[in-house]
Full PDB file with SEQRES, HELIX, SHEET, SSBOND, CRYST1, ORIGX, SCALE, CONECT and MASTER records, all heavy atoms in Angstrom:
SEQRES   1 A   40  LEU ALA ALA PRO ASP ILE LEU GLY ILE ASN VAL GLY ALA          
SEQRES   2 A   40  SER LEU ALA MET VAL LEU ALA VAL PHE LEU GLY SER ASP          
SEQRES   3 A   40  SER ARG SER HIS VAL TRP PHE ALA PHE GLY GLY ALA ALA          
SEQRES   4 A   40  ILE                                                          
HELIX    1 AA1 ILE A    9  PHE A   22  1                                  14    
HELIX    2 AA2 SER A   27  SER A   29  5                                   3    
HELIX    3 AA3 HIS A   30  ALA A   39  1                                  10    
CRYST1    1.000    1.000    1.000  90.00  90.00  90.00 P 1           1          
ORIGX1      1.000000  0.000000  0.000000        0.00000                         
ORIGX2      0.000000  1.000000  0.000000        0.00000                         
ORIGX3      0.000000  0.000000  1.000000        0.00000                         
SCALE1      1.000000  0.000000  0.000000        0.00000                         
SCALE2      0.000000  1.000000  0.000000        0.00000                         
SCALE3      0.000000  0.000000  1.000000        0.00000                         
ATOM      1  N   LEU A   1       1.294 -12.749  17.756  1.00  0.00           N  
ATOM      2  CA  LEU A   1       0.040 -12.029  17.554  1.00  0.00           C  
ATOM      3  C   LEU A   1      -0.222 -11.630  16.135  1.00  0.00           C  
ATOM      4  O   LEU A   1      -1.219 -10.991  15.832  1.00  0.00           O  
ATOM      5  CB  LEU A   1       0.047 -10.753  18.451  1.00  0.00           C  
ATOM      6  CG  LEU A   1       0.188 -10.965  19.964  1.00  0.00           C  
ATOM      7  CD1 LEU A   1       0.253  -9.604  20.687  1.00  0.00           C  
ATOM      8  CD2 LEU A   1      -0.921 -11.796  20.522  1.00  0.00           C  
ATOM      9  N   ALA A   2       0.696 -11.981  15.235  1.00  0.00           N  
ATOM     10  CA  ALA A   2       0.565 -11.561  13.851  1.00  0.00           C  
ATOM     11  C   ALA A   2      -0.403 -12.439  13.067  1.00  0.00           C  
ATOM     12  O   ALA A   2      -0.373 -13.668  13.254  1.00  0.00           O  
ATOM     13  CB  ALA A   2       1.913 -11.541  13.164  1.00  0.00           C  
ATOM     14  N   ALA A   3      -1.170 -11.868  12.218  1.00  0.00           N  
ATOM     15  CA  ALA A   3      -2.064 -12.528  11.277  1.00  0.00           C  
ATOM     16  C   ALA A   3      -2.581 -11.501  10.302  1.00  0.00           C  
ATOM     17  O   ALA A   3      -2.638 -10.309  10.645  1.00  0.00           O  
ATOM     18  CB  ALA A   3      -3.233 -13.224  11.998  1.00  0.00           C  
ATOM     19  N   PRO A   4      -2.961 -11.859   9.071  1.00  0.00           N  
ATOM     20  CA  PRO A   4      -3.407 -10.875   8.113  1.00  0.00           C  
ATOM     21  C   PRO A   4      -4.566 -10.014   8.606  1.00  0.00           C  
ATOM     22  O   PRO A   4      -4.634  -8.803   8.308  1.00  0.00           O  
ATOM     23  CB  PRO A   4      -3.848 -11.710   6.937  1.00  0.00           C  
ATOM     24  CG  PRO A   4      -2.984 -12.943   7.006  1.00  0.00           C  
ATOM     25  CD  PRO A   4      -2.872 -13.221   8.497  1.00  0.00           C  
ATOM     26  N   ASP A   5      -5.488 -10.570   9.403  1.00  0.00           N  
ATOM     27  CA  ASP A   5      -6.573  -9.763   9.902  1.00  0.00           C  
ATOM     28  C   ASP A   5      -6.178  -8.841  11.055  1.00  0.00           C  
ATOM     29  O   ASP A   5      -6.661  -7.718  11.166  1.00  0.00           O  
ATOM     30  CB  ASP A   5      -7.739 -10.651  10.341  1.00  0.00           C  
ATOM     31  CG  ASP A   5      -7.308 -11.818  11.282  1.00  0.00           C  
ATOM     32  OD1 ASP A   5      -6.330 -12.484  10.927  1.00  0.00           O  
ATOM     33  OD2 ASP A   5      -7.896 -11.980  12.338  1.00  0.00           O  
ATOM     34  N   ILE A   6      -5.233  -9.294  11.886  1.00  0.00           N  
ATOM     35  CA  ILE A   6      -4.759  -8.458  12.972  1.00  0.00           C  
ATOM     36  C   ILE A   6      -3.919  -7.294  12.440  1.00  0.00           C  
ATOM     37  O   ILE A   6      -3.950  -6.164  12.992  1.00  0.00           O  
ATOM     38  CB  ILE A   6      -3.935  -9.277  13.964  1.00  0.00           C  
ATOM     39  CG1 ILE A   6      -4.776 -10.475  14.493  1.00  0.00           C  
ATOM     40  CG2 ILE A   6      -3.411  -8.419  15.099  1.00  0.00           C  
ATOM     41  CD1 ILE A   6      -5.977 -10.059  15.301  1.00  0.00           C  
ATOM     42  N   LEU A   7      -3.175  -7.518  11.379  1.00  0.00           N  
ATOM     43  CA  LEU A   7      -2.284  -6.469  10.874  1.00  0.00           C  
ATOM     44  C   LEU A   7      -2.913  -5.589   9.810  1.00  0.00           C  
ATOM     45  O   LEU A   7      -2.234  -4.757   9.210  1.00  0.00           O  
ATOM     46  CB  LEU A   7      -1.009  -7.176  10.265  1.00  0.00           C  
ATOM     47  CG  LEU A   7      -0.184  -7.972  11.260  1.00  0.00           C  
ATOM     48  CD1 LEU A   7       1.054  -8.491  10.534  1.00  0.00           C  
ATOM     49  CD2 LEU A   7       0.216  -7.156  12.463  1.00  0.00           C  
ATOM     50  N   GLY A   8      -4.195  -5.749   9.573  1.00  0.00           N  
ATOM     51  CA  GLY A   8      -4.875  -4.845   8.661  1.00  0.00           C  
ATOM     52  C   GLY A   8      -4.884  -5.259   7.199  1.00  0.00           C  
ATOM     53  O   GLY A   8      -5.432  -4.542   6.312  1.00  0.00           O  
ATOM     54  N   ILE A   9      -4.278  -6.402   6.883  1.00  0.00           N  
ATOM     55  CA  ILE A   9      -4.187  -6.833   5.489  1.00  0.00           C  
ATOM     56  C   ILE A   9      -5.530  -7.219   4.937  1.00  0.00           C  
ATOM     57  O   ILE A   9      -5.923  -6.829   3.822  1.00  0.00           O  
ATOM     58  CB  ILE A   9      -3.174  -8.008   5.349  1.00  0.00           C  
ATOM     59  CG1 ILE A   9      -1.775  -7.518   5.771  1.00  0.00           C  
ATOM     60  CG2 ILE A   9      -3.148  -8.511   3.924  1.00  0.00           C  
ATOM     61  CD1 ILE A   9      -0.730  -8.606   5.815  1.00  0.00           C  
ATOM     62  N   ASN A  10      -6.310  -7.981   5.724  1.00  0.00           N  
ATOM     63  CA  ASN A  10      -7.657  -8.345   5.318  1.00  0.00           C  
ATOM     64  C   ASN A  10      -8.538  -7.102   5.163  1.00  0.00           C  
ATOM     65  O   ASN A  10      -9.371  -7.029   4.224  1.00  0.00           O  
ATOM     66  CB  ASN A  10      -8.256  -9.316   6.289  1.00  0.00           C  
ATOM     67  CG  ASN A  10      -7.671 -10.735   6.198  1.00  0.00           C  
ATOM     68  OD1 ASN A  10      -6.781 -10.981   5.374  1.00  0.00           O  
ATOM     69  ND2 ASN A  10      -8.207 -11.641   6.961  1.00  0.00           N  
ATOM     70  N   VAL A  11      -8.421  -6.174   6.072  1.00  0.00           N  
ATOM     71  CA  VAL A  11      -9.225  -4.951   6.019  1.00  0.00           C  
ATOM     72  C   VAL A  11      -8.866  -4.134   4.785  1.00  0.00           C  
ATOM     73  O   VAL A  11      -9.739  -3.512   4.154  1.00  0.00           O  
ATOM     74  CB  VAL A  11      -9.053  -4.142   7.314  1.00  0.00           C  
ATOM     75  CG1 VAL A  11      -9.940  -2.884   7.255  1.00  0.00           C  
ATOM     76  CG2 VAL A  11      -9.508  -4.955   8.530  1.00  0.00           C  
ATOM     77  N   GLY A  12      -7.599  -4.128   4.420  1.00  0.00           N  
ATOM     78  CA  GLY A  12      -7.171  -3.409   3.212  1.00  0.00           C  
ATOM     79  C   GLY A  12      -7.813  -4.034   1.988  1.00  0.00           C  
ATOM     80  O   GLY A  12      -8.286  -3.314   1.068  1.00  0.00           O  
ATOM     81  N   ALA A  13      -7.830  -5.401   1.930  1.00  0.00           N  
ATOM     82  CA  ALA A  13      -8.466  -6.042   0.826  1.00  0.00           C  
ATOM     83  C   ALA A  13      -9.986  -5.767   0.828  1.00  0.00           C  
ATOM     84  O   ALA A  13     -10.589  -5.585  -0.238  1.00  0.00           O  
ATOM     85  CB  ALA A  13      -8.237  -7.575   0.908  1.00  0.00           C  
ATOM     86  N   SER A  14     -10.596  -5.732   1.984  1.00  0.00           N  
ATOM     87  CA  SER A  14     -12.032  -5.467   2.077  1.00  0.00           C  
ATOM     88  C   SER A  14     -12.366  -4.030   1.629  1.00  0.00           C  
ATOM     89  O   SER A  14     -13.339  -3.853   0.883  1.00  0.00           O  
ATOM     90  CB  SER A  14     -12.485  -5.633   3.561  1.00  0.00           C  
ATOM     91  OG  SER A  14     -12.264  -6.926   4.013  1.00  0.00           O  
ATOM     92  N   LEU A  15     -11.577  -3.066   2.019  1.00  0.00           N  
ATOM     93  CA  LEU A  15     -11.793  -1.680   1.582  1.00  0.00           C  
ATOM     94  C   LEU A  15     -11.725  -1.591   0.057  1.00  0.00           C  
ATOM     95  O   LEU A  15     -12.540  -0.972  -0.580  1.00  0.00           O  
ATOM     96  CB  LEU A  15     -10.779  -0.785   2.212  1.00  0.00           C  
ATOM     97  CG  LEU A  15     -10.785   0.686   1.724  1.00  0.00           C  
ATOM     98  CD1 LEU A  15     -12.112   1.370   1.908  1.00  0.00           C  
ATOM     99  CD2 LEU A  15      -9.668   1.486   2.373  1.00  0.00           C  
ATOM    100  N   ALA A  16     -10.747  -2.306  -0.539  1.00  0.00           N  
ATOM    101  CA  ALA A  16     -10.608  -2.272  -1.994  1.00  0.00           C  
ATOM    102  C   ALA A  16     -11.797  -2.910  -2.657  1.00  0.00           C  
ATOM    103  O   ALA A  16     -12.284  -2.437  -3.702  1.00  0.00           O  
ATOM    104  CB  ALA A  16      -9.314  -2.987  -2.391  1.00  0.00           C  
ATOM    105  N   MET A  17     -12.318  -4.017  -2.073  1.00  0.00           N  
ATOM    106  CA  MET A  17     -13.453  -4.691  -2.607  1.00  0.00           C  
ATOM    107  C   MET A  17     -14.728  -3.770  -2.535  1.00  0.00           C  
ATOM    108  O   MET A  17     -15.474  -3.676  -3.456  1.00  0.00           O  
ATOM    109  CB  MET A  17     -13.744  -5.990  -1.863  1.00  0.00           C  
ATOM    110  CG  MET A  17     -12.758  -7.108  -2.197  1.00  0.00           C  
ATOM    111  SD  MET A  17     -13.155  -7.876  -3.781  1.00  0.00           S  
ATOM    112  CE  MET A  17     -14.677  -8.714  -3.386  1.00  0.00           C  
ATOM    113  N   VAL A  18     -14.912  -3.115  -1.403  1.00  0.00           N  
ATOM    114  CA  VAL A  18     -16.008  -2.179  -1.236  1.00  0.00           C  
ATOM    115  C   VAL A  18     -15.916  -1.085  -2.235  1.00  0.00           C  
ATOM    116  O   VAL A  18     -16.929  -0.636  -2.881  1.00  0.00           O  
ATOM    117  CB  VAL A  18     -16.054  -1.643   0.186  1.00  0.00           C  
ATOM    118  CG1 VAL A  18     -17.058  -0.483   0.306  1.00  0.00           C  
ATOM    119  CG2 VAL A  18     -16.406  -2.756   1.171  1.00  0.00           C  
ATOM    120  N   LEU A  19     -14.694  -0.547  -2.466  1.00  0.00           N  
ATOM    121  CA  LEU A  19     -14.509   0.503  -3.432  1.00  0.00           C  
ATOM    122  C   LEU A  19     -14.783   0.032  -4.853  1.00  0.00           C  
ATOM    123  O   LEU A  19     -15.399   0.755  -5.680  1.00  0.00           O  
ATOM    124  CB  LEU A  19     -13.028   1.012  -3.381  1.00  0.00           C  
ATOM    125  CG  LEU A  19     -12.659   2.202  -4.203  1.00  0.00           C  
ATOM    126  CD1 LEU A  19     -13.513   3.397  -3.759  1.00  0.00           C  
ATOM    127  CD2 LEU A  19     -11.181   2.536  -4.057  1.00  0.00           C  
ATOM    128  N   ALA A  20     -14.475  -1.226  -5.143  1.00  0.00           N  
ATOM    129  CA  ALA A  20     -14.742  -1.763  -6.472  1.00  0.00           C  
ATOM    130  C   ALA A  20     -16.244  -1.855  -6.720  1.00  0.00           C  
ATOM    131  O   ALA A  20     -16.731  -1.545  -7.790  1.00  0.00           O  
ATOM    132  CB  ALA A  20     -14.095  -3.154  -6.585  1.00  0.00           C  
ATOM    133  N   VAL A  21     -16.993  -2.307  -5.693  1.00  0.00           N  
ATOM    134  CA  VAL A  21     -18.452  -2.366  -5.854  1.00  0.00           C  
ATOM    135  C   VAL A  21     -19.057  -0.995  -5.964  1.00  0.00           C  
ATOM    136  O   VAL A  21     -19.939  -0.727  -6.778  1.00  0.00           O  
ATOM    137  CB  VAL A  21     -19.054  -3.135  -4.647  1.00  0.00           C  
ATOM    138  CG1 VAL A  21     -20.595  -3.120  -4.699  1.00  0.00           C  
ATOM    139  CG2 VAL A  21     -18.572  -4.562  -4.604  1.00  0.00           C  
ATOM    140  N   PHE A  22     -18.553  -0.052  -5.162  1.00  0.00           N  
ATOM    141  CA  PHE A  22     -19.024   1.335  -5.180  1.00  0.00           C  
ATOM    142  C   PHE A  22     -18.827   1.969  -6.579  1.00  0.00           C  
ATOM    143  O   PHE A  22     -19.670   2.698  -7.078  1.00  0.00           O  
ATOM    144  CB  PHE A  22     -18.277   2.161  -4.129  1.00  0.00           C  
ATOM    145  CG  PHE A  22     -18.602   3.610  -4.112  1.00  0.00           C  
ATOM    146  CD1 PHE A  22     -19.851   4.061  -3.664  1.00  0.00           C  
ATOM    147  CD2 PHE A  22     -17.672   4.519  -4.555  1.00  0.00           C  
ATOM    148  CE1 PHE A  22     -20.163   5.404  -3.665  1.00  0.00           C  
ATOM    149  CE2 PHE A  22     -17.949   5.905  -4.530  1.00  0.00           C  
ATOM    150  CZ  PHE A  22     -19.223   6.315  -4.106  1.00  0.00           C  
ATOM    151  N   LEU A  23     -17.677   1.657  -7.231  1.00  0.00           N  
ATOM    152  CA  LEU A  23     -17.418   2.202  -8.517  1.00  0.00           C  
ATOM    153  C   LEU A  23     -18.041   1.458  -9.653  1.00  0.00           C  
ATOM    154  O   LEU A  23     -17.981   1.875 -10.816  1.00  0.00           O  
ATOM    155  CB  LEU A  23     -15.844   2.210  -8.766  1.00  0.00           C  
ATOM    156  CG  LEU A  23     -15.031   3.123  -7.818  1.00  0.00           C  
ATOM    157  CD1 LEU A  23     -13.542   2.906  -8.071  1.00  0.00           C  
ATOM    158  CD2 LEU A  23     -15.432   4.559  -7.971  1.00  0.00           C  
ATOM    159  N   GLY A  24     -18.722   0.352  -9.316  1.00  0.00           N  
ATOM    160  CA  GLY A  24     -19.421  -0.472 -10.344  1.00  0.00           C  
ATOM    161  C   GLY A  24     -18.506  -1.235 -11.237  1.00  0.00           C  
ATOM    162  O   GLY A  24     -18.853  -1.487 -12.391  1.00  0.00           O  
ATOM    163  N   SER A  25     -17.365  -1.647 -10.763  1.00  0.00           N  
ATOM    164  CA  SER A  25     -16.407  -2.396 -11.629  1.00  0.00           C  
ATOM    165  C   SER A  25     -16.950  -3.803 -11.893  1.00  0.00           C  
ATOM    166  O   SER A  25     -17.798  -4.337 -11.167  1.00  0.00           O  
ATOM    167  CB  SER A  25     -15.072  -2.477 -10.959  1.00  0.00           C  
ATOM    168  OG  SER A  25     -15.129  -3.278  -9.774  1.00  0.00           O  
ATOM    169  N   ASP A  26     -16.422  -4.393 -12.943  1.00  0.00           N  
ATOM    170  CA  ASP A  26     -16.781  -5.782 -13.324  1.00  0.00           C  
ATOM    171  C   ASP A  26     -16.371  -6.727 -12.207  1.00  0.00           C  
ATOM    172  O   ASP A  26     -15.304  -6.648 -11.638  1.00  0.00           O  
ATOM    173  CB  ASP A  26     -16.018  -6.166 -14.613  1.00  0.00           C  
ATOM    174  CG  ASP A  26     -16.532  -7.479 -15.218  1.00  0.00           C  
ATOM    175  OD1 ASP A  26     -16.758  -8.410 -14.475  1.00  0.00           O  
ATOM    176  OD2 ASP A  26     -16.713  -7.533 -16.432  1.00  0.00           O  
ATOM    177  N   SER A  27     -17.284  -7.649 -11.863  1.00  0.00           N  
ATOM    178  CA  SER A  27     -17.014  -8.591 -10.766  1.00  0.00           C  
ATOM    179  C   SER A  27     -15.778  -9.424 -10.973  1.00  0.00           C  
ATOM    180  O   SER A  27     -15.120  -9.838 -10.047  1.00  0.00           O  
ATOM    181  CB  SER A  27     -18.236  -9.496 -10.556  1.00  0.00           C  
ATOM    182  OG  SER A  27     -18.502 -10.250 -11.722  1.00  0.00           O  
ATOM    183  N   ARG A  28     -15.407  -9.613 -12.244  1.00  0.00           N  
ATOM    184  CA  ARG A  28     -14.199 -10.423 -12.542  1.00  0.00           C  
ATOM    185  C   ARG A  28     -12.938  -9.717 -12.130  1.00  0.00           C  
ATOM    186  O   ARG A  28     -11.882 -10.329 -11.933  1.00  0.00           O  
ATOM    187  CB  ARG A  28     -14.137 -10.756 -14.014  1.00  0.00           C  
ATOM    188  CG  ARG A  28     -15.212 -11.743 -14.497  1.00  0.00           C  
ATOM    189  CD  ARG A  28     -15.186 -11.920 -16.007  1.00  0.00           C  
ATOM    190  NE  ARG A  28     -15.594 -10.689 -16.673  1.00  0.00           N  
ATOM    191  CZ  ARG A  28     -15.685 -10.590 -17.975  1.00  0.00           C  
ATOM    192  NH1 ARG A  28     -15.459 -11.606 -18.779  1.00  0.00           N  
ATOM    193  NH2 ARG A  28     -16.061  -9.412 -18.523  1.00  0.00           N  
ATOM    194  N   SER A  29     -12.993  -8.397 -11.955  1.00  0.00           N  
ATOM    195  CA  SER A  29     -11.799  -7.647 -11.569  1.00  0.00           C  
ATOM    196  C   SER A  29     -11.721  -7.467 -10.038  1.00  0.00           C  
ATOM    197  O   SER A  29     -10.728  -6.881  -9.538  1.00  0.00           O  
ATOM    198  CB  SER A  29     -11.789  -6.283 -12.206  1.00  0.00           C  
ATOM    199  OG  SER A  29     -12.840  -5.450 -11.758  1.00  0.00           O  
ATOM    200  N   HIS A  30     -12.761  -7.912  -9.321  1.00  0.00           N  
ATOM    201  CA  HIS A  30     -12.787  -7.684  -7.867  1.00  0.00           C  
ATOM    202  C   HIS A  30     -11.568  -8.276  -7.169  1.00  0.00           C  
ATOM    203  O   HIS A  30     -11.071  -7.747  -6.169  1.00  0.00           O  
ATOM    204  CB  HIS A  30     -14.088  -8.213  -7.262  1.00  0.00           C  
ATOM    205  CG  HIS A  30     -15.266  -7.362  -7.601  1.00  0.00           C  
ATOM    206  ND1 HIS A  30     -16.528  -7.652  -7.133  1.00  0.00           N  
ATOM    207  CD2 HIS A  30     -15.372  -6.251  -8.313  1.00  0.00           C  
ATOM    208  CE1 HIS A  30     -17.355  -6.716  -7.556  1.00  0.00           C  
ATOM    209  NE2 HIS A  30     -16.688  -5.873  -8.273  1.00  0.00           N  
ATOM    210  N   VAL A  31     -11.156  -9.486  -7.573  1.00  0.00           N  
ATOM    211  CA  VAL A  31     -10.026 -10.126  -6.913  1.00  0.00           C  
ATOM    212  C   VAL A  31      -8.762  -9.306  -7.032  1.00  0.00           C  
ATOM    213  O   VAL A  31      -7.946  -9.248  -6.155  1.00  0.00           O  
ATOM    214  CB  VAL A  31      -9.811 -11.546  -7.453  1.00  0.00           C  
ATOM    215  CG1 VAL A  31      -9.367 -11.526  -8.948  1.00  0.00           C  
ATOM    216  CG2 VAL A  31      -8.809 -12.315  -6.636  1.00  0.00           C  
ATOM    217  N   TRP A  32      -8.626  -8.590  -8.188  1.00  0.00           N  
ATOM    218  CA  TRP A  32      -7.428  -7.725  -8.368  1.00  0.00           C  
ATOM    219  C   TRP A  32      -7.499  -6.524  -7.428  1.00  0.00           C  
ATOM    220  O   TRP A  32      -6.440  -6.080  -6.953  1.00  0.00           O  
ATOM    221  CB  TRP A  32      -7.326  -7.326  -9.822  1.00  0.00           C  
ATOM    222  CG  TRP A  32      -6.979  -8.459 -10.716  1.00  0.00           C  
ATOM    223  CD1 TRP A  32      -7.827  -9.166 -11.525  1.00  0.00           C  
ATOM    224  CD2 TRP A  32      -5.714  -9.097 -10.844  1.00  0.00           C  
ATOM    225  NE1 TRP A  32      -7.169 -10.185 -12.190  1.00  0.00           N  
ATOM    226  CE2 TRP A  32      -5.845 -10.180 -11.794  1.00  0.00           C  
ATOM    227  CE3 TRP A  32      -4.451  -8.871 -10.263  1.00  0.00           C  
ATOM    228  CZ2 TRP A  32      -4.818 -10.984 -12.138  1.00  0.00           C  
ATOM    229  CZ3 TRP A  32      -3.389  -9.719 -10.625  1.00  0.00           C  
ATOM    230  CH2 TRP A  32      -3.585 -10.753 -11.540  1.00  0.00           C  
ATOM    231  N   PHE A  33      -8.659  -6.004  -7.243  1.00  0.00           N  
ATOM    232  CA  PHE A  33      -8.849  -4.951  -6.196  1.00  0.00           C  
ATOM    233  C   PHE A  33      -8.394  -5.483  -4.839  1.00  0.00           C  
ATOM    234  O   PHE A  33      -7.694  -4.785  -4.080  1.00  0.00           O  
ATOM    235  CB  PHE A  33     -10.268  -4.459  -6.153  1.00  0.00           C  
ATOM    236  CG  PHE A  33     -10.601  -3.405  -7.185  1.00  0.00           C  
ATOM    237  CD1 PHE A  33     -11.014  -3.773  -8.466  1.00  0.00           C  
ATOM    238  CD2 PHE A  33     -10.554  -2.089  -6.897  1.00  0.00           C  
ATOM    239  CE1 PHE A  33     -11.323  -2.839  -9.403  1.00  0.00           C  
ATOM    240  CE2 PHE A  33     -10.851  -1.111  -7.780  1.00  0.00           C  
ATOM    241  CZ  PHE A  33     -11.256  -1.474  -9.069  1.00  0.00           C  
ATOM    242  N   ALA A  34      -8.827  -6.701  -4.523  1.00  0.00           N  
ATOM    243  CA  ALA A  34      -8.482  -7.306  -3.207  1.00  0.00           C  
ATOM    244  C   ALA A  34      -6.977  -7.452  -3.099  1.00  0.00           C  
ATOM    245  O   ALA A  34      -6.401  -7.169  -2.036  1.00  0.00           O  
ATOM    246  CB  ALA A  34      -9.187  -8.627  -3.070  1.00  0.00           C  
ATOM    247  N   PHE A  35      -6.331  -7.947  -4.125  1.00  0.00           N  
ATOM    248  CA  PHE A  35      -4.860  -8.087  -4.117  1.00  0.00           C  
ATOM    249  C   PHE A  35      -4.185  -6.742  -3.880  1.00  0.00           C  
ATOM    250  O   PHE A  35      -3.246  -6.592  -3.093  1.00  0.00           O  
ATOM    251  CB  PHE A  35      -4.328  -8.645  -5.456  1.00  0.00           C  
ATOM    252  CG  PHE A  35      -4.708 -10.116  -5.661  1.00  0.00           C  
ATOM    253  CD1 PHE A  35      -4.792 -10.629  -6.931  1.00  0.00           C  
ATOM    254  CD2 PHE A  35      -4.940 -10.955  -4.595  1.00  0.00           C  
ATOM    255  CE1 PHE A  35      -5.114 -11.985  -7.131  1.00  0.00           C  
ATOM    256  CE2 PHE A  35      -5.261 -12.288  -4.760  1.00  0.00           C  
ATOM    257  CZ  PHE A  35      -5.349 -12.819  -6.050  1.00  0.00           C  
ATOM    258  N   GLY A  36      -4.651  -5.711  -4.605  1.00  0.00           N  
ATOM    259  CA  GLY A  36      -4.073  -4.387  -4.489  1.00  0.00           C  
ATOM    260  C   GLY A  36      -4.219  -3.827  -3.058  1.00  0.00           C  
ATOM    261  O   GLY A  36      -3.287  -3.290  -2.487  1.00  0.00           O  
ATOM    262  N   GLY A  37      -5.459  -3.967  -2.515  1.00  0.00           N  
ATOM    263  CA  GLY A  37      -5.715  -3.478  -1.160  1.00  0.00           C  
ATOM    264  C   GLY A  37      -4.859  -4.197  -0.126  1.00  0.00           C  
ATOM    265  O   GLY A  37      -4.321  -3.572   0.797  1.00  0.00           O  
ATOM    266  N   ALA A  38      -4.760  -5.523  -0.271  1.00  0.00           N  
ATOM    267  CA  ALA A  38      -3.946  -6.308   0.682  1.00  0.00           C  
ATOM    268  C   ALA A  38      -2.466  -5.926   0.581  1.00  0.00           C  
ATOM    269  O   ALA A  38      -1.812  -5.829   1.593  1.00  0.00           O  
ATOM    270  CB  ALA A  38      -4.140  -7.799   0.380  1.00  0.00           C  
ATOM    271  N   ALA A  39      -1.988  -5.748  -0.634  1.00  0.00           N  
ATOM    272  CA  ALA A  39      -0.569  -5.352  -0.806  1.00  0.00           C  
ATOM    273  C   ALA A  39      -0.230  -4.030  -0.220  1.00  0.00           C  
ATOM    274  O   ALA A  39       0.745  -3.836   0.471  1.00  0.00           O  
ATOM    275  CB  ALA A  39      -0.208  -5.428  -2.328  1.00  0.00           C  
ATOM    276  N   ILE A  40      -1.105  -3.018  -0.480  1.00  0.00           N  
ATOM    277  CA  ILE A  40      -0.889  -1.674   0.081  1.00  0.00           C  
ATOM    278  C   ILE A  40      -0.897  -1.721   1.608  1.00  0.00           C  
ATOM    279  O   ILE A  40      -0.073  -1.095   2.246  1.00  0.00           O  
ATOM    280  CB  ILE A  40      -1.935  -0.708  -0.492  1.00  0.00           C  
ATOM    281  CG1 ILE A  40      -1.701  -0.512  -2.022  1.00  0.00           C  
ATOM    282  CG2 ILE A  40      -1.854   0.643   0.220  1.00  0.00           C  
ATOM    283  CD1 ILE A  40      -2.816   0.291  -2.707  1.00  0.00           C  
TER     284      ILE A  40                                                      
MASTER        0    0    0    3    0    0    0    6  283    1    0    4          
END                                                                             
């Protein structure tokens, strides 16, 4: 039953991406937000 979306990894990356847009960060840094959210 394991998968990144089932275990919350994708949602963590999504939250970080939403936070990046909310804070108005440069779009080039969005992928790093996604990595950080997925890792956490």
